[in-house]
């Protein structure tokens, strides 16, 4: 069974899910951090895997402990560099370019109690050239995400 959980009511994934008859849940900070709505629903579902995509909130320790090595996330840089709170989207790409890095990429990792510090599953690299902007680098990184995230998810599920 596939379920989509989103903390954003305007997330495009909700429209896609509707077209595919996939159940969705939209939740807020209280549901995630205070009243255990999300935790209780996940606990009842017994998911094989929880896949984060574009999710910027830190996952509560209670959820991480309940689903060890069953929560995966993707980060738009080569961790451990350019990770942590506030390092997302163009913030990451801007920092990478400002530091004159020669390459960037993606990191797919397990989620633990800390931002972007879980065990690595896969990294993929793209080259940065002197003409790259945060926007063009984002395009290169998105290409890697589309190619490798589904493969990494499948790899984790088959373990």
N, C-alpha and C. Protein backbone atom coordinates (compact mmCIF):
# COMPACT_ATOMS: atom_id res chain seq x y z
N UNK A 1 0.83 -1.18 0.00
CA UNK A 1 0.00 0.00 0.00
C UNK A 1 0.89 1.25 0.00
N UNK A 2 0.54 2.19 -0.82
CA UNK A 2 1.27 3.44 -0.90
C UNK A 2 0.39 4.54 -0.31
N UNK A 3 1.01 5.37 0.50
CA UNK A 3 0.34 6.55 1.08
C UNK A 3 1.27 7.74 0.88
N UNK A 4 0.68 8.88 0.66
CA UNK A 4 1.45 10.11 0.54
C UNK A 4 1.08 11.00 1.73
N UNK A 5 2.11 11.40 2.47
CA UNK A 5 1.94 12.35 3.57
C UNK A 5 2.65 13.63 3.16
N UNK A 6 1.99 14.76 3.39
CA UNK A 6 2.61 16.04 3.04
C UNK A 6 2.29 17.08 4.10
N UNK A 7 3.28 17.90 4.38
CA UNK A 7 3.06 19.02 5.28
C UNK A 7 2.70 20.28 4.49
N UNK A 8 2.52 20.13 3.20
CA UNK A 8 2.12 21.26 2.35
C UNK A 8 0.89 20.89 1.54
N UNK A 9 -0.20 21.58 1.79
CA UNK A 9 -1.45 21.31 1.09
C UNK A 9 -1.35 21.61 -0.40
N UNK A 10 -0.38 22.44 -0.80
CA UNK A 10 -0.23 22.80 -2.21
C UNK A 10 0.85 21.98 -2.93
N UNK A 11 1.34 20.94 -2.29
CA UNK A 11 2.39 20.11 -2.90
C UNK A 11 1.85 19.40 -4.14
N UNK A 12 2.61 19.47 -5.22
CA UNK A 12 2.18 18.87 -6.48
C UNK A 12 1.98 17.36 -6.36
N UNK A 13 2.72 16.72 -5.47
CA UNK A 13 2.58 15.28 -5.31
C UNK A 13 1.15 14.89 -4.92
N UNK A 14 0.43 15.78 -4.26
CA UNK A 14 -0.95 15.48 -3.88
C UNK A 14 -1.85 15.40 -5.11
N UNK A 15 -1.62 16.27 -6.09
CA UNK A 15 -2.39 16.20 -7.34
C UNK A 15 -2.07 14.91 -8.09
N UNK A 16 -0.79 14.57 -8.14
CA UNK A 16 -0.38 13.33 -8.80
C UNK A 16 -1.02 12.12 -8.12
N UNK A 17 -0.99 12.12 -6.80
CA UNK A 17 -1.57 11.00 -6.05
C UNK A 17 -3.06 10.86 -6.33
N UNK A 18 -3.76 11.97 -6.38
CA UNK A 18 -5.20 11.95 -6.65
C UNK A 18 -5.48 11.30 -8.00
N UNK A 19 -4.69 11.67 -9.01
CA UNK A 19 -4.86 11.11 -10.35
C UNK A 19 -4.60 9.60 -10.37
N UNK A 20 -3.79 9.13 -9.44
CA UNK A 20 -3.44 7.71 -9.39
C UNK A 20 -4.21 6.96 -8.30
N UNK A 21 -5.20 7.61 -7.71
CA UNK A 21 -6.02 7.02 -6.64
C UNK A 21 -5.18 6.55 -5.45
N UNK A 22 -4.18 7.33 -5.10
CA UNK A 22 -3.34 7.04 -3.94
C UNK A 22 -3.83 7.91 -2.79
N UNK A 23 -4.03 7.32 -1.65
CA UNK A 23 -4.50 8.06 -0.48
C UNK A 23 -3.46 9.06 -0.01
N UNK A 24 -3.94 10.19 0.48
CA UNK A 24 -3.05 11.25 0.95
C UNK A 24 -3.48 11.73 2.34
N UNK A 25 -2.51 12.27 3.05
CA UNK A 25 -2.75 12.91 4.35
C UNK A 25 -1.94 14.21 4.36
N UNK A 26 -2.60 15.30 4.67
CA UNK A 26 -1.91 16.57 4.85
C UNK A 26 -1.88 16.84 6.35
N UNK A 27 -0.71 17.17 6.84
CA UNK A 27 -0.56 17.36 8.29
C UNK A 27 0.16 18.67 8.57
N UNK A 28 0.04 19.11 9.81
CA UNK A 28 0.71 20.34 10.22
C UNK A 28 1.74 20.04 11.31
N UNK A 29 2.39 21.07 11.81
CA UNK A 29 3.44 20.88 12.82
C UNK A 29 2.91 20.19 14.07
N UNK A 30 1.71 20.55 14.50
CA UNK A 30 1.15 19.92 15.69
C UNK A 30 0.96 18.42 15.46
N UNK A 31 0.47 18.04 14.29
CA UNK A 31 0.27 16.62 13.98
C UNK A 31 1.58 15.86 13.97
N UNK A 32 2.65 16.54 13.61
CA UNK A 32 3.95 15.89 13.46
C UNK A 32 4.74 15.88 14.77
N UNK A 33 4.69 16.98 15.50
CA UNK A 33 5.54 17.11 16.68
C UNK A 33 4.80 17.00 18.02
N UNK A 34 3.51 17.29 18.06
CA UNK A 34 2.85 17.40 19.35
C UNK A 34 1.82 16.33 19.66
N UNK A 35 0.88 16.11 18.74
CA UNK A 35 -0.24 15.22 19.08
C UNK A 35 -0.10 13.79 18.56
N UNK A 36 1.03 13.48 17.96
CA UNK A 36 1.35 12.12 17.50
C UNK A 36 0.45 11.57 16.40
N UNK A 37 -0.30 12.43 15.72
CA UNK A 37 -1.16 11.94 14.65
C UNK A 37 -0.37 11.20 13.59
N UNK A 38 0.71 11.80 13.11
CA UNK A 38 1.51 11.17 12.06
C UNK A 38 2.16 9.89 12.59
N UNK A 39 2.75 9.98 13.77
CA UNK A 39 3.38 8.78 14.34
C UNK A 39 2.37 7.64 14.48
N UNK A 40 1.21 7.92 15.03
CA UNK A 40 0.22 6.86 15.25
C UNK A 40 -0.25 6.25 13.93
N UNK A 41 -0.45 7.08 12.92
CA UNK A 41 -0.86 6.54 11.63
C UNK A 41 0.24 5.68 11.01
N UNK A 42 1.48 6.16 11.06
CA UNK A 42 2.59 5.36 10.53
C UNK A 42 2.74 4.05 11.30
N UNK A 43 2.62 4.13 12.60
CA UNK A 43 2.73 2.94 13.44
C UNK A 43 1.67 1.91 13.07
N UNK A 44 0.46 2.36 12.79
CA UNK A 44 -0.62 1.45 12.39
C UNK A 44 -0.42 0.89 10.99
N UNK A 45 0.24 1.64 10.12
CA UNK A 45 0.47 1.19 8.75
C UNK A 45 1.60 0.17 8.63
N UNK A 46 2.55 0.19 9.55
CA UNK A 46 3.73 -0.69 9.50
C UNK A 46 4.43 -0.59 8.13
N UNK A 47 4.85 0.60 7.73
CA UNK A 47 5.43 0.75 6.39
C UNK A 47 6.76 0.02 6.25
N UNK A 48 6.98 -0.53 5.06
CA UNK A 48 8.28 -1.12 4.74
C UNK A 48 9.33 -0.03 4.62
N UNK A 49 8.92 1.14 4.11
CA UNK A 49 9.86 2.22 3.88
C UNK A 49 9.11 3.54 3.91
N UNK A 50 9.75 4.55 4.47
CA UNK A 50 9.25 5.92 4.45
C UNK A 50 10.24 6.72 3.62
N UNK A 51 9.75 7.30 2.54
CA UNK A 51 10.60 8.02 1.60
C UNK A 51 10.30 9.51 1.69
N UNK A 52 11.31 10.28 2.04
CA UNK A 52 11.16 11.73 2.11
C UNK A 52 11.62 12.34 0.80
N UNK A 53 10.90 13.37 0.37
CA UNK A 53 11.29 14.08 -0.86
C UNK A 53 10.86 15.53 -0.70
N UNK A 54 11.81 16.42 -0.61
CA UNK A 54 11.49 17.82 -0.44
C UNK A 54 10.93 18.14 0.93
N UNK A 55 11.20 17.30 1.89
CA UNK A 55 10.68 17.47 3.24
C UNK A 55 11.77 18.10 4.09
N UNK A 56 11.50 19.27 4.66
CA UNK A 56 12.54 20.04 5.32
C UNK A 56 12.50 19.98 6.85
N UNK A 57 11.46 19.39 7.42
CA UNK A 57 11.37 19.34 8.87
C UNK A 57 12.22 18.19 9.42
N UNK A 58 12.76 18.40 10.58
CA UNK A 58 13.50 17.34 11.26
C UNK A 58 12.51 16.28 11.75
N UNK A 59 12.81 15.02 11.46
CA UNK A 59 11.92 13.93 11.84
C UNK A 59 12.07 13.69 13.35
N UNK A 60 10.94 13.65 14.07
CA UNK A 60 11.01 13.44 15.52
C UNK A 60 11.72 12.13 15.87
N UNK A 61 12.46 12.17 16.94
CA UNK A 61 13.20 11.00 17.39
C UNK A 61 12.29 9.79 17.59
N UNK A 62 11.07 10.01 18.03
CA UNK A 62 10.12 8.91 18.24
C UNK A 62 9.85 8.16 16.93
N UNK A 63 9.74 8.87 15.84
CA UNK A 63 9.51 8.23 14.54
C UNK A 63 10.79 7.55 14.07
N UNK A 64 11.92 8.21 14.22
CA UNK A 64 13.20 7.61 13.80
C UNK A 64 13.43 6.30 14.54
N UNK A 65 13.19 6.29 15.85
CA UNK A 65 13.39 5.07 16.64
C UNK A 65 12.43 3.96 16.25
N UNK A 66 11.20 4.32 15.90
CA UNK A 66 10.19 3.32 15.54
C UNK A 66 10.46 2.67 14.18
N UNK A 67 11.19 3.38 13.31
CA UNK A 67 11.43 2.89 11.95
C UNK A 67 12.92 2.97 11.61
N UNK A 68 13.76 2.26 12.36
CA UNK A 68 15.21 2.34 12.09
C UNK A 68 15.55 1.79 10.71
N UNK A 69 16.37 2.53 9.99
CA UNK A 69 16.78 2.16 8.63
C UNK A 69 15.61 1.89 7.71
N UNK A 70 14.50 2.58 7.98
CA UNK A 70 13.34 2.49 7.10
C UNK A 70 12.84 3.87 6.68
N UNK A 71 13.63 4.90 6.96
CA UNK A 71 13.32 6.25 6.51
C UNK A 71 14.51 6.72 5.67
N UNK A 72 14.25 7.07 4.42
CA UNK A 72 15.31 7.54 3.55
C UNK A 72 15.02 8.96 3.09
N UNK A 73 16.09 9.69 2.82
CA UNK A 73 15.97 11.06 2.37
C UNK A 73 17.00 11.30 1.27
N UNK A 74 16.76 12.35 0.51
CA UNK A 74 17.70 12.74 -0.53
C UNK A 74 18.12 14.18 -0.25
N UNK A 75 19.41 14.43 -0.42
CA UNK A 75 19.97 15.76 -0.17
C UNK A 75 20.68 16.24 -1.43
N UNK A 76 20.51 17.53 -1.80
CA UNK A 76 21.07 18.03 -3.05
C UNK A 76 22.53 18.48 -2.96
N UNK A 77 23.35 17.67 -2.31
CA UNK A 77 24.79 17.93 -2.23
C UNK A 77 25.48 16.65 -1.79
N UNK A 78 26.79 16.67 -1.81
CA UNK A 78 27.57 15.51 -1.40
C UNK A 78 27.87 15.63 0.09
N UNK A 79 27.03 14.99 0.88
CA UNK A 79 27.23 15.02 2.34
C UNK A 79 28.52 14.31 2.66
N UNK A 80 29.22 14.70 3.71
CA UNK A 80 28.74 15.52 4.82
C UNK A 80 28.84 17.02 4.59
N UNK A 81 29.39 17.46 3.47
CA UNK A 81 29.48 18.90 3.22
C UNK A 81 28.12 19.43 2.79
N UNK A 82 27.84 20.65 3.14
CA UNK A 82 26.64 21.37 2.72
C UNK A 82 25.35 20.72 3.21
N UNK A 83 25.39 20.17 4.41
CA UNK A 83 24.20 19.60 5.01
C UNK A 83 23.82 20.36 6.26
N UNK A 84 22.74 19.94 6.86
CA UNK A 84 22.29 20.53 8.11
C UNK A 84 21.13 21.48 7.93
N UNK A 85 20.67 22.00 9.04
CA UNK A 85 19.53 22.90 9.05
C UNK A 85 19.80 24.11 8.16
N UNK A 86 18.83 24.43 7.32
CA UNK A 86 18.95 25.57 6.43
C UNK A 86 19.63 25.29 5.12
N UNK A 87 20.21 24.12 4.97
CA UNK A 87 20.90 23.78 3.73
C UNK A 87 19.96 22.95 2.85
N UNK A 88 19.22 23.65 2.02
CA UNK A 88 18.29 23.01 1.10
C UNK A 88 18.19 23.85 -0.16
N UNK A 89 17.76 23.23 -1.24
CA UNK A 89 17.52 23.93 -2.49
C UNK A 89 18.66 24.82 -2.92
N UNK A 90 18.32 26.02 -3.36
CA UNK A 90 19.33 26.93 -3.89
C UNK A 90 20.31 27.42 -2.83
N UNK A 91 19.96 27.32 -1.54
CA UNK A 91 20.92 27.66 -0.49
C UNK A 91 22.16 26.77 -0.61
N UNK A 92 21.91 25.49 -0.86
CA UNK A 92 23.01 24.54 -1.02
C UNK A 92 23.81 24.87 -2.28
N UNK A 93 23.12 25.04 -3.38
CA UNK A 93 23.81 25.27 -4.65
C UNK A 93 24.61 26.57 -4.63
N UNK A 94 24.06 27.60 -4.00
CA UNK A 94 24.78 28.88 -3.87
C UNK A 94 26.07 28.68 -3.06
N UNK A 95 25.98 27.95 -1.95
CA UNK A 95 27.16 27.71 -1.11
C UNK A 95 28.22 26.91 -1.86
N UNK A 96 27.79 25.90 -2.60
CA UNK A 96 28.72 25.07 -3.36
C UNK A 96 29.47 25.92 -4.38
N UNK A 97 28.76 26.75 -5.11
CA UNK A 97 29.38 27.60 -6.12
C UNK A 97 30.28 28.65 -5.48
N UNK A 98 29.82 29.27 -4.41
CA UNK A 98 30.63 30.30 -3.73
C UNK A 98 31.96 29.74 -3.22
N UNK A 99 31.96 28.46 -2.88
CA UNK A 99 33.18 27.82 -2.37
C UNK A 99 34.03 27.22 -3.49
N UNK A 100 33.68 27.54 -4.73
CA UNK A 100 34.46 27.11 -5.90
C UNK A 100 34.66 25.61 -5.98
N UNK A 101 33.62 24.86 -5.59
CA UNK A 101 33.70 23.41 -5.71
C UNK A 101 33.74 23.02 -7.18
N UNK A 102 34.37 21.92 -7.47
CA UNK A 102 34.47 21.43 -8.84
C UNK A 102 33.39 20.40 -9.16
N UNK A 103 32.76 19.89 -8.10
CA UNK A 103 31.68 18.93 -8.30
C UNK A 103 30.67 19.05 -7.17
N UNK A 104 29.47 18.59 -7.47
CA UNK A 104 28.40 18.51 -6.48
C UNK A 104 27.66 17.22 -6.77
N UNK A 105 26.43 17.13 -6.34
CA UNK A 105 25.69 15.91 -6.60
C UNK A 105 24.57 15.71 -5.61
N UNK A 106 24.27 14.44 -5.38
CA UNK A 106 23.20 14.08 -4.45
C UNK A 106 23.72 13.06 -3.46
N UNK A 107 23.07 13.05 -2.32
CA UNK A 107 23.31 12.02 -1.32
C UNK A 107 21.97 11.45 -0.90
N UNK A 108 21.85 10.16 -1.02
CA UNK A 108 20.66 9.46 -0.52
C UNK A 108 21.12 8.76 0.75
N UNK A 109 20.37 8.98 1.83
CA UNK A 109 20.82 8.48 3.12
C UNK A 109 19.64 8.08 4.00
N UNK A 110 19.95 7.27 5.00
CA UNK A 110 18.95 6.96 6.02
C UNK A 110 18.80 8.17 6.92
N UNK A 111 17.63 8.33 7.48
CA UNK A 111 17.37 9.44 8.40
C UNK A 111 17.65 8.97 9.82
N UNK A 112 18.38 9.81 10.56
CA UNK A 112 18.57 9.56 11.99
C UNK A 112 18.10 10.80 12.75
N UNK A 113 18.54 10.96 13.97
CA UNK A 113 18.05 12.04 14.83
C UNK A 113 18.62 13.42 14.44
N UNK A 114 19.57 13.47 13.53
CA UNK A 114 20.22 14.73 13.18
C UNK A 114 20.01 15.02 11.69
N UNK A 115 19.94 16.30 11.36
CA UNK A 115 19.83 16.68 9.95
C UNK A 115 20.99 16.13 9.14
N UNK A 116 20.68 15.38 8.10
CA UNK A 116 21.65 14.98 7.07
C UNK A 116 22.85 14.22 7.59
N UNK A 117 22.69 13.45 8.67
CA UNK A 117 23.82 12.70 9.23
C UNK A 117 23.62 11.20 9.21
N UNK A 118 22.52 10.70 8.66
CA UNK A 118 22.28 9.27 8.62
C UNK A 118 23.22 8.55 7.67
N UNK A 119 23.31 7.25 7.82
CA UNK A 119 24.20 6.42 7.01
C UNK A 119 23.90 6.59 5.51
N UNK A 120 24.97 6.67 4.74
CA UNK A 120 24.85 6.85 3.30
C UNK A 120 24.32 5.58 2.63
N UNK A 121 23.48 5.79 1.64
CA UNK A 121 23.00 4.70 0.79
C UNK A 121 23.66 4.82 -0.58
N UNK A 122 23.69 6.06 -1.12
CA UNK A 122 24.22 6.27 -2.46
C UNK A 122 24.57 7.74 -2.64
N UNK A 123 25.65 7.99 -3.35
CA UNK A 123 25.98 9.34 -3.79
C UNK A 123 26.22 9.31 -5.29
N UNK A 124 25.81 10.36 -5.97
CA UNK A 124 26.06 10.52 -7.40
C UNK A 124 26.60 11.93 -7.62
N UNK A 125 27.52 12.06 -8.54
CA UNK A 125 28.28 13.29 -8.72
C UNK A 125 27.99 13.93 -10.07
N UNK A 126 27.97 15.27 -10.08
CA UNK A 126 27.96 16.03 -11.32
C UNK A 126 29.07 17.07 -11.25
N UNK A 127 29.62 17.38 -12.40
CA UNK A 127 30.69 18.38 -12.49
C UNK A 127 30.08 19.79 -12.48
N UNK A 128 30.84 20.70 -11.94
CA UNK A 128 30.46 22.11 -11.95
C UNK A 128 31.43 22.83 -12.88
N UNK A 129 30.90 23.62 -13.81
CA UNK A 129 31.79 24.40 -14.65
C UNK A 129 31.69 25.87 -14.27
N UNK A 130 32.59 26.67 -14.78
CA UNK A 130 32.69 28.07 -14.40
C UNK A 130 31.47 28.91 -14.73
N UNK A 131 30.61 28.38 -15.61
CA UNK A 131 29.40 29.13 -15.98
C UNK A 131 28.18 28.75 -15.16
N UNK A 132 28.31 27.76 -14.30
CA UNK A 132 27.14 27.32 -13.53
C UNK A 132 26.66 28.40 -12.56
N UNK A 133 25.36 28.48 -12.45
CA UNK A 133 24.67 29.32 -11.47
C UNK A 133 23.95 28.37 -10.51
N UNK A 134 23.42 28.87 -9.42
CA UNK A 134 22.63 27.97 -8.56
C UNK A 134 21.50 27.29 -9.34
N UNK A 135 20.92 27.99 -10.29
CA UNK A 135 19.81 27.42 -11.06
C UNK A 135 20.27 26.32 -12.01
N UNK A 136 21.39 26.54 -12.70
CA UNK A 136 21.87 25.50 -13.61
C UNK A 136 22.39 24.30 -12.83
N UNK A 137 23.02 24.56 -11.70
CA UNK A 137 23.48 23.44 -10.86
C UNK A 137 22.28 22.67 -10.33
N UNK A 138 21.23 23.37 -9.96
CA UNK A 138 20.00 22.70 -9.51
C UNK A 138 19.48 21.77 -10.59
N UNK A 139 19.53 22.19 -11.84
CA UNK A 139 19.09 21.34 -12.94
C UNK A 139 19.91 20.07 -13.04
N UNK A 140 21.23 20.19 -12.91
CA UNK A 140 22.09 19.00 -12.94
C UNK A 140 21.77 18.06 -11.78
N UNK A 141 21.56 18.66 -10.62
CA UNK A 141 21.26 17.85 -9.44
C UNK A 141 19.91 17.16 -9.58
N UNK A 142 18.91 17.88 -10.11
CA UNK A 142 17.59 17.26 -10.32
C UNK A 142 17.69 16.07 -11.26
N UNK A 143 18.51 16.18 -12.28
CA UNK A 143 18.68 15.05 -13.20
C UNK A 143 19.20 13.82 -12.45
N UNK A 144 20.16 14.04 -11.56
CA UNK A 144 20.67 12.93 -10.74
C UNK A 144 19.59 12.38 -9.82
N UNK A 145 18.80 13.26 -9.23
CA UNK A 145 17.74 12.82 -8.32
C UNK A 145 16.75 11.91 -9.03
N UNK A 146 16.30 12.34 -10.21
CA UNK A 146 15.32 11.56 -10.96
C UNK A 146 15.87 10.20 -11.38
N UNK A 147 17.16 10.16 -11.67
CA UNK A 147 17.78 8.91 -12.11
C UNK A 147 18.04 7.96 -10.94
N UNK A 148 18.58 8.48 -9.85
CA UNK A 148 19.09 7.60 -8.80
C UNK A 148 18.15 7.36 -7.61
N UNK A 149 17.25 8.27 -7.31
CA UNK A 149 16.40 8.04 -6.13
C UNK A 149 15.51 6.81 -6.30
N UNK A 150 14.85 6.64 -7.43
CA UNK A 150 14.05 5.40 -7.58
C UNK A 150 14.90 4.13 -7.47
N UNK A 151 16.11 4.16 -8.02
CA UNK A 151 16.99 3.00 -7.94
C UNK A 151 17.40 2.72 -6.50
N UNK A 152 17.71 3.76 -5.75
CA UNK A 152 18.10 3.59 -4.35
C UNK A 152 16.94 3.06 -3.52
N UNK A 153 15.75 3.56 -3.78
CA UNK A 153 14.57 3.08 -3.04
C UNK A 153 14.36 1.60 -3.32
N UNK A 154 14.45 1.21 -4.57
CA UNK A 154 14.31 -0.20 -4.93
C UNK A 154 15.38 -1.04 -4.25
N UNK A 155 16.61 -0.56 -4.25
CA UNK A 155 17.72 -1.27 -3.61
C UNK A 155 17.45 -1.49 -2.12
N UNK A 156 16.98 -0.46 -1.45
CA UNK A 156 16.69 -0.57 -0.01
C UNK A 156 15.54 -1.55 0.23
N UNK A 157 14.52 -1.49 -0.59
CA UNK A 157 13.37 -2.38 -0.41
C UNK A 157 13.72 -3.85 -0.65
N UNK A 158 14.70 -4.10 -1.52
CA UNK A 158 15.07 -5.48 -1.84
C UNK A 158 16.05 -6.09 -0.84
N UNK A 159 16.56 -5.28 0.08
CA UNK A 159 17.50 -5.81 1.08
C UNK A 159 16.82 -6.76 2.03
